[in-house]
């Protein structure tokens, strides 16, 4: 086996146990790199797109990607297209929140792993 299996990090305690092991020098360099990726995935996964509003025909979005995304849906019956603007927001349903972490906790953990 190489690295930390994805399904091994299911709880906050799993993250903290591996963090302690990394700081104590008990993990191999590639395992520390895997742990960093798992921490970063928590940060990256805290964002999701939510419906912001329907755009009029020819109306420009409120901003550029990745903050805003426009999707076009075509009604097959009428043939009309609807342009919907989505906005990237921090979601309360993210794994970061479910595990009980704050952004600052994860950033601190990543900072601790620098140079390991």
Protein backbone atom coordinates (compact mmCIF):
# COMPACT_ATOMS: atom_id res chain seq x y z
CA UNK A 1 0.00 0.00 0.00
CA UNK A 2 1.23 3.49 -0.85
CA UNK A 3 0.03 6.59 0.94
CA UNK A 4 -3.07 7.16 2.99
CA UNK A 5 -6.22 5.48 1.71
CA UNK A 6 -9.01 7.94 0.95
CA UNK A 7 -11.54 6.03 3.06
CA UNK A 8 -9.22 6.04 6.08
CA UNK A 9 -9.88 9.73 6.78
CA UNK A 10 -13.53 9.60 7.77
CA UNK A 11 -13.53 11.58 11.00
CA UNK A 12 -11.91 14.60 12.56
CA UNK A 13 -10.04 12.21 14.86
CA UNK A 14 -8.55 10.42 11.82
CA UNK A 15 -7.15 13.71 10.51
CA UNK A 16 -5.79 14.69 13.91
CA UNK A 17 -4.19 11.28 14.52
CA UNK A 18 -2.36 11.40 11.19
CA UNK A 19 -1.38 15.03 11.76
CA UNK A 20 0.20 14.09 15.10
CA UNK A 21 1.99 11.16 13.46
CA UNK A 22 3.33 13.44 10.71
CA UNK A 23 4.56 16.02 13.19
CA UNK A 24 6.23 13.28 15.23
CA UNK A 25 8.05 12.06 12.11
CA UNK A 26 6.21 8.73 12.03
CA UNK A 27 4.99 9.09 8.43
CA UNK A 28 6.99 8.64 5.26
CA UNK A 29 7.40 11.70 3.01
CA UNK A 30 4.84 10.42 0.48
CA UNK A 31 2.35 9.85 3.31
CA UNK A 32 2.87 13.42 4.52
CA UNK A 33 2.27 14.58 0.95
CA UNK A 34 -0.96 12.54 0.87
CA UNK A 35 -2.05 14.08 4.16
CA UNK A 36 -1.39 17.56 2.75
CA UNK A 37 -3.59 16.70 -0.25
CA UNK A 38 -6.39 15.56 2.07
CA UNK A 39 -6.18 18.78 4.08
CA UNK A 40 -6.19 20.83 0.86
CA UNK A 41 -9.19 18.87 -0.43
CA UNK A 42 -11.11 19.96 2.67
CA UNK A 43 -10.35 23.59 1.85
CA UNK A 44 -11.12 23.24 -1.85
CA UNK A 45 -14.34 21.31 -1.25
CA UNK A 46 -15.96 24.01 0.83
CA UNK A 47 -17.24 25.85 -2.25
CA UNK A 48 -20.23 25.02 -4.44
CA UNK A 49 -22.25 26.78 -7.11
CA UNK A 50 -25.74 27.95 -6.19
CA UNK A 51 -28.39 29.52 -8.40
CA UNK A 52 -28.04 33.28 -8.33
CA UNK A 53 -30.58 34.48 -10.92
CA UNK A 54 -31.96 33.98 -14.42
CA UNK A 55 -30.30 36.23 -17.00
CA UNK A 56 -32.21 38.04 -19.70
CA UNK A 57 -31.35 37.34 -23.34
CA UNK A 58 -28.00 38.93 -24.15
CA UNK A 59 -27.39 39.99 -20.53
CA UNK A 60 -23.82 39.60 -19.36
CA UNK A 61 -23.05 37.71 -16.14
CA UNK A 62 -22.16 39.69 -13.02
CA UNK A 63 -18.58 38.46 -13.09
CA UNK A 64 -16.00 36.09 -14.53
CA UNK A 65 -15.51 32.38 -13.91
CA UNK A 66 -14.88 30.77 -11.49
CA UNK A 67 -16.87 33.17 -9.27
CA UNK A 68 -19.82 33.11 -11.67
CA UNK A 69 -20.91 30.47 -14.15
CA UNK A 70 -23.71 30.66 -16.70
CA UNK A 71 -25.58 27.55 -17.80
CA UNK A 72 -28.08 27.45 -20.66
CA UNK A 73 -31.07 25.09 -20.50
CA UNK A 74 -33.25 24.61 -23.53
CA UNK A 75 -36.89 23.67 -23.12
CA UNK A 76 -37.50 20.89 -25.64
CA UNK A 77 -41.22 21.59 -25.93
CA UNK A 78 -41.04 25.32 -26.64
CA UNK A 79 -37.48 25.52 -27.91
CA UNK A 80 -36.76 28.49 -25.63
CA UNK A 81 -33.43 28.76 -23.88
CA UNK A 82 -33.03 29.93 -20.30
CA UNK A 83 -29.68 31.28 -19.12
CA UNK A 84 -29.12 30.82 -15.40
CA UNK A 85 -26.29 32.43 -13.50
CA UNK A 86 -24.67 30.46 -10.69
CA UNK A 87 -22.47 32.00 -8.02
CA UNK A 88 -19.63 30.21 -6.22
CA UNK A 89 -20.28 30.29 -2.47
CA UNK A 90 -18.95 28.67 0.65
CA UNK A 91 -21.41 25.94 1.55
CA UNK A 92 -22.50 24.81 4.99
CA UNK A 93 -22.79 21.22 3.71
CA UNK A 94 -19.10 20.76 2.95
CA UNK A 95 -17.02 17.96 4.41
CA UNK A 96 -14.92 20.59 6.20
CA UNK A 97 -17.98 21.70 8.16
CA UNK A 98 -19.31 18.16 8.69
CA UNK A 99 -16.00 17.16 10.28
CA UNK A 100 -16.11 20.18 12.57
CA UNK A 101 -13.12 22.06 11.17
CA UNK A 102 -12.77 25.76 10.54
CA UNK A 103 -10.78 27.15 7.61
CA UNK A 104 -8.19 28.45 10.08
CA UNK A 105 -7.75 24.94 11.56
CA UNK A 106 -6.95 23.45 8.17
CA UNK A 107 -4.66 26.30 7.17
CA UNK A 108 -2.78 25.87 10.47
CA UNK A 109 -2.44 22.11 9.89
CA UNK A 110 -1.05 22.73 6.41
CA UNK A 111 1.39 25.29 7.79
CA UNK A 112 2.59 22.78 10.38
CA UNK A 113 3.32 20.26 7.63
CA UNK A 114 5.51 22.68 5.67
CA UNK A 115 9.02 21.30 5.50
CA UNK A 116 8.00 17.85 6.69
